[in-house]
Amino acid sequence: MTEPERRRHQRFKTREGVAALHAGNIGKVNNISLGGISCSCSFVDSPACGKNSHLDIFFGPSADTIHLQNLPIRIVDSDMNLGTSPICLFSRNCRIQFGELTDSQLEHLGEFISRYTET
């Protein structure tokens, strides 16, 4: 028997080119919701799970892109996998929860989700 979904927010698969910047590392955002993101990057060191921090989310080098800046986050979990290319031997998958967002950040996040996710 499968467990019922416990997430409060629906997750959306992001389009190719959606990225996150955290502590100087750029990662690919795999999915996004109003509650957080799942992303992968080549960062080998384990990030401090449970620690509060901030990150930026953006979509490629486009003039009309929405750039979400300085979003409060908490890294919930991360794990290391074998990389998918010879250049990147390892990748880290992180599950990140948003902290308390301002009304403006929530508005921009909703617009970002509607523009840069697959339907």
PDB file of N, CA and C in Angstrom:
ATOM      1  N   MET A   1       0.848  -1.176   0.000  1.00  0.00           N
ATOM      2  CA  MET A   1       0.000   0.000   0.000  1.00  0.00           C
ATOM      3  C   MET A   1       0.895   1.243   0.000  1.00  0.00           C
ATOM      4  N   THR A   2       0.604   2.205  -0.856  1.00  0.00           N
ATOM      5  CA  THR A   2       1.421   3.409  -0.929  1.00  0.00           C
ATOM      6  C   THR A   2       0.952   4.427   0.105  1.00  0.00           C
ATOM      7  N   GLU A   3       1.925   5.189   0.593  1.00  0.00           N
ATOM      8  CA  GLU A   3       1.602   6.234   1.564  1.00  0.00           C
ATOM      9  C   GLU A   3       0.974   7.422   0.861  1.00  0.00           C
ATOM     10  N   PRO A   4       0.073   8.121   1.523  1.00  0.00           N
ATOM     11  CA  PRO A   4      -0.504   9.325   0.905  1.00  0.00           C
ATOM     12  C   PRO A   4       0.548  10.429   0.803  1.00  0.00           C
ATOM     13  N   GLU A   5       0.388  11.282  -0.200  1.00  0.00           N
ATOM     14  CA  GLU A   5       1.307  12.412  -0.411  1.00  0.00           C
ATOM     15  C   GLU A   5       1.250  13.338   0.796  1.00  0.00           C
ATOM     16  N   ARG A   6       2.422  13.685   1.355  1.00  0.00           N
ATOM     17  CA  ARG A   6       2.469  14.540   2.544  1.00  0.00           C
ATOM     18  C   ARG A   6       2.835  15.974   2.217  1.00  0.00           C
ATOM     19  N   ARG A   7       3.230  16.238   0.983  1.00  0.00           N
ATOM     20  CA  ARG A   7       3.642  17.597   0.619  1.00  0.00           C
ATOM     21  C   ARG A   7       2.444  18.530   0.618  1.00  0.00           C
ATOM     22  N   ARG A   8       2.695  19.759   1.046  1.00  0.00           N
ATOM     23  CA  ARG A   8       1.637  20.770   1.058  1.00  0.00           C
ATOM     24  C   ARG A   8       1.494  21.458  -0.285  1.00  0.00           C
ATOM     25  N   HIS A   9       2.547  21.418  -1.104  1.00  0.00           N
ATOM     26  CA  HIS A   9       2.553  22.139  -2.374  1.00  0.00           C
ATOM     27  C   HIS A   9       2.843  21.183  -3.522  1.00  0.00           C
ATOM     28  N   GLN A  10       2.145  21.367  -4.632  1.00  0.00           N
ATOM     29  CA  GLN A  10       2.367  20.561  -5.815  1.00  0.00           C
ATOM     30  C   GLN A  10       3.741  20.865  -6.400  1.00  0.00           C
ATOM     31  N   ARG A  11       4.464  19.801  -6.792  1.00  0.00           N
ATOM     32  CA  ARG A  11       5.781  19.965  -7.408  1.00  0.00           C
ATOM     33  C   ARG A  11       5.631  19.985  -8.923  1.00  0.00           C
ATOM     34  N   PHE A  12       6.525  20.764  -9.582  1.00  0.00           N
ATOM     35  CA  PHE A  12       6.519  20.877 -11.030  1.00  0.00           C
ATOM     36  C   PHE A  12       7.915  20.600 -11.556  1.00  0.00           C
ATOM     37  N   LYS A  13       8.003  19.812 -12.630  1.00  0.00           N
ATOM     38  CA  LYS A  13       9.288  19.554 -13.292  1.00  0.00           C
ATOM     39  C   LYS A  13       9.691  20.830 -14.026  1.00  0.00           C
ATOM     40  N   THR A  14      10.928  21.246 -13.827  1.00  0.00           N
ATOM     41  CA  THR A  14      11.391  22.492 -14.455  1.00  0.00           C
ATOM     42  C   THR A  14      11.852  22.246 -15.881  1.00  0.00           C
ATOM     43  N   ARG A  15      11.804  23.320 -16.668  1.00  0.00           N
ATOM     44  CA  ARG A  15      12.333  23.271 -18.032  1.00  0.00           C
ATOM     45  C   ARG A  15      13.861  23.221 -17.972  1.00  0.00           C
ATOM     46  N   GLU A  16      14.462  22.745 -19.040  1.00  0.00           N
ATOM     47  CA  GLU A  16      15.926  22.731 -19.137  1.00  0.00           C
ATOM     48  C   GLU A  16      16.436  24.165 -19.048  1.00  0.00           C
ATOM     49  N   GLY A  17      17.445  24.410 -18.235  1.00  0.00           N
ATOM     50  CA  GLY A  17      18.026  25.741 -18.110  1.00  0.00           C
ATOM     51  C   GLY A  17      17.691  26.448 -16.807  1.00  0.00           C
ATOM     52  N   VAL A  18      16.830  25.854 -15.971  1.00  0.00           N
ATOM     53  CA  VAL A  18      16.528  26.453 -14.668  1.00  0.00           C
ATOM     54  C   VAL A  18      17.637  26.048 -13.701  1.00  0.00           C
ATOM     55  N   ALA A  19      18.230  27.037 -13.052  1.00  0.00           N
ATOM     56  CA  ALA A  19      19.381  26.778 -12.190  1.00  0.00           C
ATOM     57  C   ALA A  19      19.237  27.487 -10.848  1.00  0.00           C
ATOM     58  N   ALA A  20      20.001  27.007  -9.876  1.00  0.00           N
ATOM     59  CA  ALA A  20      20.056  27.612  -8.553  1.00  0.00           C
ATOM     60  C   ALA A  20      21.506  27.931  -8.226  1.00  0.00           C
ATOM     61  N   LEU A  21      21.714  29.024  -7.540  1.00  0.00           N
ATOM     62  CA  LEU A  21      23.038  29.433  -7.098  1.00  0.00           C
ATOM     63  C   LEU A  21      23.027  29.472  -5.578  1.00  0.00           C
ATOM     64  N   HIS A  22      23.906  28.658  -4.968  1.00  0.00           N
ATOM     65  CA  HIS A  22      23.984  28.589  -3.510  1.00  0.00           C
ATOM     66  C   HIS A  22      25.438  28.438  -3.094  1.00  0.00           C
ATOM     67  N   ALA A  23      25.891  29.314  -2.251  1.00  0.00           N
ATOM     68  CA  ALA A  23      27.259  29.254  -1.705  1.00  0.00           C
ATOM     69  C   ALA A  23      28.311  29.113  -2.800  1.00  0.00           C
ATOM     70  N   GLY A  24      28.113  29.835  -3.912  1.00  0.00           N
ATOM     71  CA  GLY A  24      29.081  29.813  -4.998  1.00  0.00           C
ATOM     72  C   GLY A  24      28.963  28.626  -5.935  1.00  0.00           C
ATOM     73  N   ASN A  25      28.002  27.751  -5.718  1.00  0.00           N
ATOM     74  CA  ASN A  25      27.798  26.572  -6.562  1.00  0.00           C
ATOM     75  C   ASN A  25      26.523  26.729  -7.375  1.00  0.00           C
ATOM     76  N   ILE A  26      26.607  26.364  -8.653  1.00  0.00           N
ATOM     77  CA  ILE A  26      25.427  26.404  -9.513  1.00  0.00           C
ATOM     78  C   ILE A  26      24.934  24.982  -9.707  1.00  0.00           C
ATOM     79  N   GLY A  27      23.632  24.806  -9.545  1.00  0.00           N
ATOM     80  CA  GLY A  27      23.037  23.489  -9.721  1.00  0.00           C
ATOM     81  C   GLY A  27      21.823  23.543 -10.615  1.00  0.00           C
ATOM     82  N   LYS A  28      21.468  22.407 -11.177  1.00  0.00           N
ATOM     83  CA  LYS A  28      20.286  22.260 -12.030  1.00  0.00           C
ATOM     84  C   LYS A  28      19.079  22.009 -11.136  1.00  0.00           C
ATOM     85  N   VAL A  29      18.037  22.818 -11.295  1.00  0.00           N
ATOM     86  CA  VAL A  29      16.804  22.617 -10.524  1.00  0.00           C
ATOM     87  C   VAL A  29      15.986  21.548 -11.252  1.00  0.00           C
ATOM     88  N   ASN A  30      15.713  20.448 -10.556  1.00  0.00           N
ATOM     89  CA  ASN A  30      14.961  19.333 -11.142  1.00  0.00           C
ATOM     90  C   ASN A  30      13.461  19.535 -11.021  1.00  0.00           C
ATOM     91  N   ASN A  31      13.019  20.002  -9.868  1.00  0.00           N
ATOM     92  CA  ASN A  31      11.611  20.335  -9.687  1.00  0.00           C
ATOM     93  C   ASN A  31      11.491  21.442  -8.659  1.00  0.00           C
ATOM     94  N   ILE A  32      10.322  22.095  -8.685  1.00  0.00           N
ATOM     95  CA  ILE A  32      10.108  23.267  -7.848  1.00  0.00           C
ATOM     96  C   ILE A  32       8.650  23.304  -7.391  1.00  0.00           C
ATOM     97  N   SER A  33       8.425  23.856  -6.230  1.00  0.00           N
ATOM     98  CA  SER A  33       7.074  24.078  -5.715  1.00  0.00           C
ATOM     99  C   SER A  33       7.098  25.372  -4.912  1.00  0.00           C
ATOM    100  N   LEU A  34       5.960  25.763  -4.394  1.00  0.00           N
ATOM    101  CA  LEU A  34       5.927  26.940  -3.522  1.00  0.00           C
ATOM    102  C   LEU A  34       6.616  26.667  -2.188  1.00  0.00           C
ATOM    103  N   GLY A  35       6.940  25.397  -1.924  1.00  0.00           N
ATOM    104  CA  GLY A  35       7.576  25.024  -0.668  1.00  0.00           C
ATOM    105  C   GLY A  35       9.067  24.762  -0.751  1.00  0.00           C
ATOM    106  N   GLY A  36       9.608  24.571  -1.983  1.00  0.00           N
ATOM    107  CA  GLY A  36      11.029  24.290  -2.091  1.00  0.00           C
ATOM    108  C   GLY A  36      11.423  23.747  -3.443  1.00  0.00           C
ATOM    109  N   ILE A  37      12.662  23.248  -3.532  1.00  0.00           N
ATOM    110  CA  ILE A  37      13.193  22.711  -4.783  1.00  0.00           C
ATOM    111  C   ILE A  37      13.961  21.421  -4.522  1.00  0.00           C
ATOM    112  N   SER A  38      14.165  20.679  -5.598  1.00  0.00           N
ATOM    113  CA  SER A  38      15.101  19.579  -5.619  1.00  0.00           C
ATOM    114  C   SER A  38      16.097  19.932  -6.719  1.00  0.00           C
ATOM    115  N   CYS A  39      17.388  19.845  -6.418  1.00  0.00           N
ATOM    116  CA  CYS A  39      18.380  20.218  -7.417  1.00  0.00           C
ATOM    117  C   CYS A  39      19.577  19.286  -7.354  1.00  0.00           C
ATOM    118  N   SER A  40      20.385  19.333  -8.414  1.00  0.00           N
ATOM    119  CA  SER A  40      21.607  18.532  -8.461  1.00  0.00           C
ATOM    120  C   SER A  40      22.749  19.429  -8.921  1.00  0.00           C
ATOM    121  N   CYS A  41      23.935  19.172  -8.382  1.00  0.00           N
ATOM    122  CA  CYS A  41      25.106  19.966  -8.738  1.00  0.00           C
ATOM    123  C   CYS A  41      26.347  19.100  -8.602  1.00  0.00           C
ATOM    124  N   SER A  42      27.490  19.637  -8.994  1.00  0.00           N
ATOM    125  CA  SER A  42      28.740  18.882  -8.902  1.00  0.00           C
ATOM    126  C   SER A  42      29.475  19.161  -7.595  1.00  0.00           C
ATOM    127  N   PHE A  43      28.813  19.778  -6.654  1.00  0.00           N
ATOM    128  CA  PHE A  43      29.397  20.092  -5.353  1.00  0.00           C
ATOM    129  C   PHE A  43      29.633  18.794  -4.582  1.00  0.00           C
ATOM    130  N   VAL A  44      30.861  18.467  -4.284  1.00  0.00           N
ATOM    131  CA  VAL A  44      31.184  17.190  -3.661  1.00  0.00           C
ATOM    132  C   VAL A  44      30.990  17.224  -2.146  1.00  0.00           C
ATOM    133  N   ASP A  45      31.390  18.304  -1.499  1.00  0.00           N
ATOM    134  CA  ASP A  45      31.251  18.391  -0.045  1.00  0.00           C
ATOM    135  C   ASP A  45      29.782  18.385   0.340  1.00  0.00           C
ATOM    136  N   SER A  46      29.493  17.775   1.445  1.00  0.00           N
ATOM    137  CA  SER A  46      28.114  17.706   1.919  1.00  0.00           C
ATOM    138  C   SER A  46      27.708  19.051   2.521  1.00  0.00           C
ATOM    139  N   PRO A  47      26.598  19.633   2.030  1.00  0.00           N
ATOM    140  CA  PRO A  47      26.145  20.888   2.630  1.00  0.00           C
ATOM    141  C   PRO A  47      25.596  20.626   4.026  1.00  0.00           C
ATOM    142  N   ALA A  48      25.561  21.652   4.829  1.00  0.00           N
ATOM    143  CA  ALA A  48      25.090  21.516   6.200  1.00  0.00           C
ATOM    144  C   ALA A  48      23.566  21.404   6.227  1.00  0.00           C
ATOM    145  N   CYS A  49      23.070  20.188   6.350  1.00  0.00           N
ATOM    146  CA  CYS A  49      21.624  19.981   6.404  1.00  0.00           C
ATOM    147  C   CYS A  49      21.074  20.611   7.681  1.00  0.00           C
ATOM    148  N   GLY A  50      19.908  21.216   7.554  1.00  0.00           N
ATOM    149  CA  GLY A  50      19.259  21.845   8.690  1.00  0.00           C
ATOM    150  C   GLY A  50      19.681  23.284   8.916  1.00  0.00           C
ATOM    151  N   LYS A  51      20.767  23.707   8.272  1.00  0.00           N
ATOM    152  CA  LYS A  51      21.275  25.067   8.454  1.00  0.00           C
ATOM    153  C   LYS A  51      20.502  26.028   7.554  1.00  0.00           C
ATOM    154  N   ASN A  52      20.140  27.181   8.081  1.00  0.00           N
ATOM    155  CA  ASN A  52      19.449  28.200   7.298  1.00  0.00           C
ATOM    156  C   ASN A  52      20.444  28.939   6.424  1.00  0.00           C
ATOM    157  N   SER A  53      20.023  29.261   5.212  1.00  0.00           N
ATOM    158  CA  SER A  53      20.887  29.920   4.246  1.00  0.00           C
ATOM    159  C   SER A  53      20.008  30.670   3.241  1.00  0.00           C
ATOM    160  N   HIS A  54      20.603  31.076   2.127  1.00  0.00           N
ATOM    161  CA  HIS A  54      19.863  31.750   1.050  1.00  0.00           C
ATOM    162  C   HIS A  54      20.350  31.237  -0.293  1.00  0.00           C
ATOM    163  N   LEU A  55      19.479  31.299  -1.313  1.00  0.00           N
ATOM    164  CA  LEU A  55      19.891  30.947  -2.662  1.00  0.00           C
ATOM    165  C   LEU A  55      19.147  31.786  -3.683  1.00  0.00           C
ATOM    166  N   ASP A  56      19.652  31.757  -4.926  1.00  0.00           N
ATOM    167  CA  ASP A  56      19.025  32.419  -6.061  1.00  0.00           C
ATOM    168  C   ASP A  56      18.575  31.345  -7.038  1.00  0.00           C
ATOM    169  N   ILE A  57      17.472  31.603  -7.749  1.00  0.00           N
ATOM    170  CA  ILE A  57      16.989  30.710  -8.795  1.00  0.00           C
ATOM    171  C   ILE A  57      16.777  31.552 -10.041  1.00  0.00           C
ATOM    172  N   PHE A  58      17.212  31.021 -11.182  1.00  0.00           N
ATOM    173  CA  PHE A  58      17.076  31.791 -12.422  1.00  0.00           C
ATOM    174  C   PHE A  58      16.935  30.846 -13.606  1.00  0.00           C
ATOM    175  N   PHE A  59      16.541  31.415 -14.747  1.00  0.00           N
ATOM    176  CA  PHE A  59      16.409  30.649 -15.980  1.00  0.00           C
ATOM    177  C   PHE A  59      17.344  31.226 -17.018  1.00  0.00           C
ATOM    178  N   GLY A  60      18.431  30.522 -17.298  1.00  0.00           N
ATOM    179  CA  GLY A  60      19.370  30.850 -18.369  1.00  0.00           C
ATOM    180  C   GLY A  60      19.670  32.319 -18.596  1.00  0.00           C
ATOM    181  N   PRO A  61      20.447  32.595 -19.610  1.00  0.00           N
ATOM    182  CA  PRO A  61      20.819  33.980 -19.944  1.00  0.00           C
ATOM    183  C   PRO A  61      19.786  34.621 -20.869  1.00  0.00           C
ATOM    184  N   SER A  62      18.675  35.019 -20.317  1.00  0.00           N
ATOM    185  CA  SER A  62      17.611  35.619 -21.117  1.00  0.00           C
ATOM    186  C   SER A  62      17.309  37.011 -20.577  1.00  0.00           C
ATOM    187  N   ALA A  63      17.025  37.939 -21.469  1.00  0.00           N
ATOM    188  CA  ALA A  63      16.774  39.325 -21.059  1.00  0.00           C
ATOM    189  C   ALA A  63      15.488  39.450 -20.242  1.00  0.00           C
ATOM    190  N   ASP A  64      14.513  38.585 -20.510  1.00  0.00           N
ATOM    191  CA  ASP A  64      13.228  38.707 -19.810  1.00  0.00           C
ATOM    192  C   ASP A  64      13.056  37.671 -18.699  1.00  0.00           C
ATOM    193  N   THR A  65      14.163  37.104 -18.239  1.00  0.00           N
ATOM    194  CA  THR A  65      14.080  36.069 -17.216  1.00  0.00           C
ATOM    195  C   THR A  65      13.666  36.647 -15.860  1.00  0.00           C
ATOM    196  N   ILE A  66      13.041  35.821 -15.073  1.00  0.00           N
ATOM    197  CA  ILE A  66      12.736  36.173 -13.683  1.00  0.00           C
ATOM    198  C   ILE A  66      13.868  35.596 -12.843  1.00  0.00           C
ATOM    199  N   HIS A  67      14.519  36.440 -12.089  1.00  0.00           N
ATOM    200  CA  HIS A  67      15.632  36.020 -11.244  1.00  0.00           C
ATOM    201  C   HIS A  67      15.160  36.148  -9.798  1.00  0.00           C
ATOM    202  N   LEU A  68      14.971  35.013  -9.140  1.00  0.00           N
ATOM    203  CA  LEU A  68      14.554  35.013  -7.739  1.00  0.00           C
ATOM    204  C   LEU A  68      15.811  35.101  -6.885  1.00  0.00           C
ATOM    205  N   GLN A  69      15.938  36.184  -6.145  1.00  0.00           N
ATOM    206  CA  GLN A  69      17.169  36.425  -5.400  1.00  0.00           C
ATOM    207  C   GLN A  69      16.970  36.321  -3.895  1.00  0.00           C
ATOM    208  N   ASN A  70      18.016  35.801  -3.252  1.00  0.00           N
ATOM    209  CA  ASN A  70      18.111  35.814  -1.796  1.00  0.00           C
ATOM    210  C   ASN A  70      16.933  35.139  -1.104  1.00  0.00           C
ATOM    211  N   LEU A  71      16.513  33.979  -1.652  1.00  0.00           N
ATOM    212  CA  LEU A  71      15.407  33.239  -1.039  1.00  0.00           C
ATOM    213  C   LEU A  71      15.916  32.520   0.210  1.00  0.00           C
ATOM    214  N   PRO A  72      15.214  32.666   1.328  1.00  0.00           N
ATOM    215  CA  PRO A  72      15.633  31.948   2.534  1.00  0.00           C
ATOM    216  C   PRO A  72      15.352  30.454   2.367  1.00  0.00           C
ATOM    217  N   ILE A  73      16.325  29.629   2.747  1.00  0.00           N
ATOM    218  CA  ILE A  73      16.180  28.181   2.575  1.00  0.00           C
ATOM    219  C   ILE A  73      16.719  27.418   3.778  1.00  0.00           C
ATOM    220  N   ARG A  74      16.378  26.137   3.780  1.00  0.00           N
ATOM    221  CA  ARG A  74      16.967  25.168   4.702  1.00  0.00           C
ATOM    222  C   ARG A  74      17.181  23.892   3.899  1.00  0.00           C
ATOM    223  N   ILE A  75      18.401  23.377   3.891  1.00  0.00           N
ATOM    224  CA  ILE A  75      18.691  22.125   3.192  1.00  0.00           C
ATOM    225  C   ILE A  75      18.161  20.987   4.052  1.00  0.00           C
ATOM    226  N   VAL A  76      17.211  20.247   3.492  1.00  0.00           N
ATOM    227  CA  VAL A  76      16.558  19.178   4.239  1.00  0.00           C
ATOM    228  C   VAL A  76      17.354  17.888   4.159  1.00  0.00           C
ATOM    229  N   ASP A  77      17.888  17.588   2.961  1.00  0.00           N
ATOM    230  CA  ASP A  77      18.588  16.325   2.761  1.00  0.00           C
ATOM    231  C   ASP A  77      19.473  16.443   1.526  1.00  0.00           C
ATOM    232  N   SER A  78      20.536  15.662   1.475  1.00  0.00           N
ATOM    233  CA  SER A  78      21.368  15.603   0.272  1.00  0.00           C
ATOM    234  C   SER A  78      22.041  14.239   0.197  1.00  0.00           C
ATOM    235  N   ASP A  79      22.323  13.816  -1.025  1.00  0.00           N
ATOM    236  CA  ASP A  79      23.038  12.561  -1.218  1.00  0.00           C
ATOM    237  C   ASP A  79      23.922  12.663  -2.449  1.00  0.00           C
ATOM    238  N   MET A  80      24.945  11.821  -2.490  1.00  0.00           N
ATOM    239  CA  MET A  80      25.928  11.834  -3.572  1.00  0.00           C
ATOM    240  C   MET A  80      25.653  10.679  -4.522  1.00  0.00           C
ATOM    241  N   ASN A  81      25.762  10.956  -5.839  1.00  0.00           N
ATOM    242  CA  ASN A  81      25.578   9.946  -6.882  1.00  0.00           C
ATOM    243  C   ASN A  81      26.732  10.019  -7.852  1.00  0.00           C
ATOM    244  N   LEU A  82      26.878   8.980  -8.666  1.00  0.00           N
ATOM    245  CA  LEU A  82      27.846   9.030  -9.753  1.00  0.00           C
ATOM    246  C   LEU A  82      27.387  10.055 -10.759  1.00  0.00           C
ATOM    247  N   GLY A  83      28.321  10.830 -11.288  1.00  0.00           N
ATOM    248  CA  GLY A  83      27.999  11.851 -12.270  1.00  0.00           C
ATOM    249  C   GLY A  83      27.586  11.258 -13.606  1.00  0.00           C
ATOM    250  N   THR A  84      27.092  12.116 -14.488  1.00  0.00           N
ATOM    251  CA  THR A  84      26.599  11.649 -15.781  1.00  0.00           C
ATOM    252  C   THR A  84      27.561  11.960 -16.925  1.00  0.00           C
ATOM    253  N   SER A  85      28.725  12.532 -16.612  1.00  0.00           N
ATOM    254  CA  SER A  85      29.698  12.827 -17.670  1.00  0.00           C
ATOM    255  C   SER A  85      31.109  12.629 -17.133  1.00  0.00           C
ATOM    256  N   PRO A  86      32.082  12.477 -18.033  1.00  0.00           N
ATOM    257  CA  PRO A  86      33.472  12.314 -17.589  1.00  0.00           C
ATOM    258  C   PRO A  86      34.009  13.561 -16.883  1.00  0.00           C
ATOM    259  N   ILE A  87      33.442  14.704 -17.179  1.00  0.00           N
ATOM    260  CA  ILE A  87      33.886  15.950 -16.553  1.00  0.00           C
ATOM    261  C   ILE A  87      33.422  16.007 -15.101  1.00  0.00           C
ATOM    262  N   CYS A  88      32.218  15.524 -14.858  1.00  0.00           N
ATOM    263  CA  CYS A  88      31.636  15.552 -13.513  1.00  0.00           C
ATOM    264  C   CYS A  88      31.485  14.115 -13.025  1.00  0.00           C
ATOM    265  N   LEU A  89      32.443  13.659 -12.217  1.00  0.00           N
ATOM    266  CA  LEU A  89      32.418  12.275 -11.760  1.00  0.00           C
ATOM    267  C   LEU A  89      31.364  12.017 -10.699  1.00  0.00           C
ATOM    268  N   PHE A  90      31.020  13.041  -9.942  1.00  0.00           N
ATOM    269  CA  PHE A  90      30.029  12.892  -8.887  1.00  0.00           C
ATOM    270  C   PHE A  90      29.029  14.031  -8.980  1.00  0.00           C
ATOM    271  N   SER A  91      27.834  13.785  -8.542  1.00  0.00           N
ATOM    272  CA  SER A  91      26.857  14.863  -8.419  1.00  0.00           C
ATOM    273  C   SER A  91      26.170  14.725  -7.074  1.00  0.00           C
ATOM    274  N   ARG A  92      25.698  15.830  -6.571  1.00  0.00           N
ATOM    275  CA  ARG A  92      24.995  15.853  -5.294  1.00  0.00           C
ATOM    276  C   ARG A  92      23.565  16.279  -5.547  1.00  0.00           C
ATOM    277  N   ASN A  93      22.616  15.511  -5.030  1.00  0.00           N
ATOM    278  CA  ASN A  93      21.201  15.861  -5.094  1.00  0.00           C
ATOM    279  C   ASN A  93      20.803  16.444  -3.750  1.00  0.00           C
ATOM    280  N   CYS A  94      20.143  17.605  -3.789  1.00  0.00           N
ATOM    281  CA  CYS A  94      19.726  18.271  -2.564  1.00  0.00           C
ATOM    282  C   CYS A  94      18.225  18.528  -2.583  1.00  0.00           C
ATOM    283  N   ARG A  95      17.613  18.317  -1.455  1.00  0.00           N
ATOM    284  CA  ARG A  95      16.219  18.692  -1.255  1.00  0.00           C
ATOM    285  C   ARG A  95      16.215  19.894  -0.332  1.00  0.00           C
ATOM    286  N   ILE A  96      15.641  20.983  -0.843  1.00  0.00           N
ATOM    287  CA  ILE A  96      15.737  22.275  -0.165  1.00  0.00           C
ATOM    288  C   ILE A  96      14.343  22.826   0.092  1.00  0.00           C
ATOM    289  N   GLN A  97      14.125  23.257   1.307  1.00  0.00           N
ATOM    290  CA  GLN A  97      12.835  23.838   1.701  1.00  0.00           C
ATOM    291  C   GLN A  97      12.994  25.349   1.821  1.00  0.00           C
ATOM    292  N   PHE A  98      12.020  26.084   1.281  1.00  0.00           N
ATOM    293  CA  PHE A  98      12.051  27.532   1.421  1.00  0.00           C
ATOM    294  C   PHE A  98      11.693  27.916   2.844  1.00  0.00           C
ATOM    295  N   GLY A  99      12.327  28.985   3.320  1.00  0.00           N
ATOM    296  CA  GLY A  99      11.963  29.555   4.609  1.00  0.00           C
ATOM    297  C   GLY A  99      10.763  30.476   4.408  1.00  0.00           C
ATOM    298  N   GLU A 100      10.604  31.401   5.312  1.00  0.00           N
ATOM    299  CA  GLU A 100       9.479  32.339   5.218  1.00  0.00           C
ATOM    300  C   GLU A 100       9.755  33.350   4.101  1.00  0.00           C
ATOM    301  N   LEU A 101       8.926  33.285   3.056  1.00  0.00           N
ATOM    302  CA  LEU A 101       9.082  34.175   1.912  1.00  0.00           C
ATOM    303  C   LEU A 101       8.213  35.411   2.073  1.00  0.00           C
ATOM    304  N   THR A 102       8.681  36.531   1.542  1.00  0.00           N
ATOM    305  CA  THR A 102       7.889  37.758   1.554  1.00  0.00           C
ATOM    306  C   THR A 102       6.769  37.615   0.526  1.00  0.00           C
ATOM    307  N   ASP A 103       5.766  38.489   0.600  1.00  0.00           N
ATOM    308  CA  ASP A 103       4.681  38.469  -0.382  1.00  0.00           C
ATOM    309  C   ASP A 103       5.233  38.651  -1.790  1.00  0.00           C
ATOM    310  N   SER A 104       6.208  39.528  -1.950  1.00  0.00           N
ATOM    311  CA  SER A 104       6.827  39.772  -3.251  1.00  0.00           C
ATOM    312  C   SER A 104       7.547  38.525  -3.753  1.00  0.00           C
ATOM    313  N   GLN A 105       8.298  37.850  -2.879  1.00  0.00           N
ATOM    314  CA  GLN A 105       8.997  36.633  -3.273  1.00  0.00           C
ATOM    315  C   GLN A 105       8.009  35.542  -3.679  1.00  0.00           C
ATOM    316  N   LEU A 106       6.914  35.402  -2.946  1.00  0.00           N
ATOM    317  CA  LEU A 106       5.891  34.411  -3.286  1.00  0.00           C
ATOM    318  C   LEU A 106       5.261  34.712  -4.637  1.00  0.00           C
ATOM    319  N   GLU A 107       4.995  35.973  -4.894  1.00  0.00           N
ATOM    320  CA  GLU A 107       4.412  36.380  -6.173  1.00  0.00           C
ATOM    321  C   GLU A 107       5.357  36.046  -7.328  1.00  0.00           C
ATOM    322  N   HIS A 108       6.637  36.405  -7.174  1.00  0.00           N
ATOM    323  CA  HIS A 108       7.625  36.119  -8.216  1.00  0.00           C
ATOM    324  C   HIS A 108       7.855  34.615  -8.371  1.00  0.00           C
ATOM    325  N   LEU A 109       7.822  33.871  -7.277  1.00  0.00           N
ATOM    326  CA  LEU A 109       7.987  32.424  -7.336  1.00  0.00           C
ATOM    327  C   LEU A 109       6.829  31.801  -8.118  1.00  0.00           C
ATOM    328  N   GLY A 110       5.601  32.238  -7.858  1.00  0.00           N
ATOM    329  CA  GLY A 110       4.447  31.732  -8.592  1.00  0.00           C
ATOM    330  C   GLY A 110       4.555  32.018 -10.083  1.00  0.00           C
ATOM    331  N   GLU A 111       4.999  33.217 -10.426  1.00  0.00           N
ATOM    332  CA  GLU A 111       5.185  33.576 -11.833  1.00  0.00           C
ATOM    333  C   GLU A 111       6.306  32.738 -12.458  1.00  0.00           C
ATOM    334  N   PHE A 112       7.382  32.546 -11.707  1.00  0.00           N
ATOM    335  CA  PHE A 112       8.496  31.721 -12.184  1.00  0.00           C
ATOM    336  C   PHE A 112       8.009  30.309 -12.483  1.00  0.00           C
ATOM    337  N   ILE A 113       7.232  29.724 -11.580  1.00  0.00           N
ATOM    338  CA  ILE A 113       6.719  28.370 -11.762  1.00  0.00           C
ATOM    339  C   ILE A 113       5.844  28.300 -13.009  1.00  0.00           C
ATOM    340  N   SER A 114       4.990  29.292 -13.221  1.00  0.00           N
ATOM    341  CA  SER A 114       4.109  29.254 -14.389  1.00  0.00           C
ATOM    342  C   SER A 114       4.868  29.426 -15.710  1.00  0.00           C
ATOM    343  N   ARG A 115       6.008  30.103 -15.688  1.00  0.00           N
ATOM    344  CA  ARG A 115       6.777  30.352 -16.928  1.00  0.00           C
ATOM    345  C   ARG A 115       7.824  29.276 -17.225  1.00  0.00           C
ATOM    346  N   TYR A 116       8.429  28.700 -16.208  1.00  0.00           N
ATOM    347  CA  TYR A 116       9.598  27.851 -16.421  1.00  0.00           C
ATOM    348  C   TYR A 116       9.448  26.404 -15.982  1.00  0.00           C
ATOM    349  N   THR A 117       8.212  25.920 -15.933  1.00  0.00           N
ATOM    350  CA  THR A 117       8.006  24.495 -15.643  1.00  0.00           C
ATOM    351  C   THR A 117       7.243  23.858 -16.799  1.00  0.00           C
ATOM    352  N   GLU A 118       7.357  22.546 -16.877  1.00  0.00           N
ATOM    353  CA  GLU A 118       6.675  21.795 -17.926  1.00  0.00           C
ATOM    354  C   GLU A 118       5.241  21.516 -17.492  1.00  0.00           C
ATOM    355  N   THR A 119       4.335  21.593 -18.456  1.00  0.00           N
ATOM    356  CA  THR A 119       2.923  21.335 -18.136  1.00  0.00           C
ATOM    357  C   THR A 119       2.513  19.958 -18.557  1.00  0.00           C
TER     358      THR A 119
END
